[in-house]
Protein backbone atom coordinates (compact mmCIF):
# COMPACT_ATOMS: atom_id res chain seq x y z
CA MET A 1 -72.45 -44.31 -27.71
CA GLU A 2 -75.92 -45.43 -28.95
CA ALA A 3 -78.71 -46.63 -26.74
CA GLY A 4 -78.07 -50.26 -27.58
CA GLN A 5 -74.28 -50.18 -27.28
CA LEU A 6 -74.74 -48.44 -23.70
CA HIS A 7 -76.83 -51.20 -22.53
CA GLN A 8 -74.25 -53.67 -23.85
CA TRP A 9 -71.43 -51.94 -22.05
CA VAL A 10 -73.48 -51.68 -18.90
CA GLU A 11 -74.33 -55.43 -19.03
CA GLU A 12 -70.65 -56.32 -19.95
CA HIS A 13 -69.22 -54.05 -17.06
CA ASN A 14 -67.33 -55.31 -14.31
CA TRP A 15 -68.67 -53.73 -11.37
CA ASP A 16 -65.68 -54.39 -9.33
CA ASP A 17 -64.19 -51.45 -11.26
CA GLY A 18 -66.08 -48.88 -9.30
CA LEU A 19 -69.14 -47.03 -9.91
CA SER A 20 -67.88 -43.58 -11.28
CA PRO A 21 -68.78 -44.49 -14.87
CA MET A 22 -72.41 -45.32 -13.71
CA TRP A 23 -73.27 -41.94 -12.40
CA PRO A 24 -73.66 -40.33 -15.72
CA ILE A 25 -75.53 -43.00 -17.17
CA ALA A 26 -77.91 -42.88 -14.10
CA GLU A 27 -78.12 -39.19 -14.35
CA SER A 28 -79.11 -38.74 -17.93
CA PRO A 29 -82.61 -38.45 -19.30
CA ARG A 30 -81.46 -40.23 -22.60
CA THR A 31 -80.50 -43.67 -20.80
CA GLU A 32 -83.48 -46.35 -21.55
CA PHE A 33 -85.49 -47.73 -19.32
CA ALA A 34 -83.97 -51.14 -19.43
CA THR A 35 -80.41 -50.05 -18.77
CA ALA A 36 -81.47 -48.31 -15.68
CA LEU A 37 -83.38 -51.26 -14.47
CA LEU A 38 -80.25 -53.20 -15.58
CA MET A 39 -78.14 -51.14 -13.17
CA TYR A 40 -80.70 -51.53 -10.35
CA TRP A 41 -80.63 -54.91 -10.61
CA ARG A 42 -76.75 -55.40 -10.91
CA LEU A 43 -76.41 -53.09 -7.97
CA GLY A 44 -78.27 -55.63 -5.77
CA GLY A 45 -81.97 -54.77 -6.36
CA PRO A 46 -84.07 -55.10 -3.25
CA TRP A 47 -81.54 -56.89 -1.41
CA LEU A 48 -78.96 -53.85 -1.44
CA GLU A 49 -82.20 -51.86 -0.03
CA ALA A 50 -82.74 -54.53 2.47
CA ASN A 51 -79.37 -53.94 3.88
CA PRO A 52 -78.04 -50.69 3.71
CA GLU A 53 -75.78 -50.50 6.20
CA GLN A 54 -73.87 -53.46 5.06
CA VAL A 55 -72.98 -52.13 1.80
CA ASN A 56 -70.91 -49.75 -0.27
CA GLN A 57 -72.66 -46.37 0.60
CA GLU A 58 -72.13 -45.29 -2.77
CA ALA A 59 -73.79 -48.10 -4.25
CA ALA A 60 -76.49 -47.54 -1.92
CA ARG A 61 -76.93 -43.77 -3.12
CA LEU A 62 -76.86 -44.92 -6.78
CA GLN A 63 -79.24 -47.46 -6.55
CA LYS A 64 -81.70 -45.08 -4.78
CA LEU A 65 -81.44 -42.36 -7.37
CA ILE A 66 -82.00 -45.35 -9.94
CA ARG A 67 -84.99 -46.65 -8.24
CA GLU A 68 -86.42 -43.24 -7.90
CA GLN A 69 -86.11 -42.25 -11.36
CA LEU A 70 -87.38 -45.64 -12.84
CA LEU A 71 -90.68 -45.43 -10.54
CA ALA A 72 -90.85 -41.63 -11.50
CA GLY A 73 -90.65 -42.37 -15.17
CA PHE A 74 -87.58 -40.76 -15.79
CA TYR A 75 -86.03 -42.75 -18.28
CA SER A 76 -87.61 -43.34 -21.75
CA ARG A 77 -88.69 -46.56 -23.38
CA GLY A 78 -86.43 -47.62 -26.14
CA ALA A 79 -85.40 -50.85 -28.03
CA SER A 80 -83.08 -52.37 -25.11
CA ARG A 81 -84.57 -54.92 -23.04
CA PHE A 82 -83.82 -56.36 -19.43
CA ASP A 83 -86.38 -58.55 -17.87
CA PRO A 84 -85.08 -59.37 -14.12
CA SER A 85 -87.54 -61.98 -13.59
CA THR A 86 -85.92 -64.53 -15.80
CA GLU A 87 -82.88 -64.55 -13.49
CA LEU A 88 -85.15 -64.93 -10.36
CA THR A 89 -86.79 -68.15 -9.03
CA LYS A 90 -90.66 -68.28 -8.87
CA VAL A 91 -90.43 -68.12 -5.05
CA GLN A 92 -88.22 -65.14 -5.23
CA LEU A 93 -90.51 -63.27 -7.50
CA TYR A 94 -93.45 -64.38 -5.13
CA GLN A 95 -91.50 -63.24 -2.02
CA LEU A 96 -90.71 -59.72 -3.65
CA ARG A 97 -94.31 -59.26 -4.73
CA LYS A 98 -95.36 -59.97 -1.37
CA ALA A 99 -92.80 -57.56 0.17
CA GLY A 100 -94.22 -54.86 -2.10
CA LEU A 101 -91.63 -54.53 -4.65
CA PRO A 102 -93.25 -52.60 -7.74
CA ASP A 103 -93.98 -54.70 -10.62
CA MET A 104 -92.02 -52.37 -12.69
CA LEU A 105 -88.64 -53.40 -10.87
CA LEU A 106 -89.66 -57.04 -11.67
CA GLY A 107 -89.91 -56.41 -15.40
CA SER A 108 -93.61 -57.46 -15.39
CA PRO A 109 -95.59 -57.37 -18.66
CA GLY A 110 -96.01 -53.57 -19.10
CA SER A 111 -92.64 -52.60 -17.89
CA GLU A 112 -90.86 -52.38 -20.64
């Protein structure tokens, strides 16, 4: 599956169907940054990190892996795009920045 198709598949995936198809995507260096960022946010973004004891442990492990690899530059930049800041309110963005969430995870300029 080419990168654009994979990104669209992740975007349309019913996350209630389980996380097993997400692991190979998260672990692949061929996955684009935008697709991994989309996965991070669909898993719950910083809100999942804030309450790890109240969430599915597999989801927490998967998100931790994706977050670490996003910040480490593991994923390549490509044609796919995802900007989580378009799905957040100005107040949420302010609070997340104030809490120290890296701009790279907020889809700030230069993150794609």
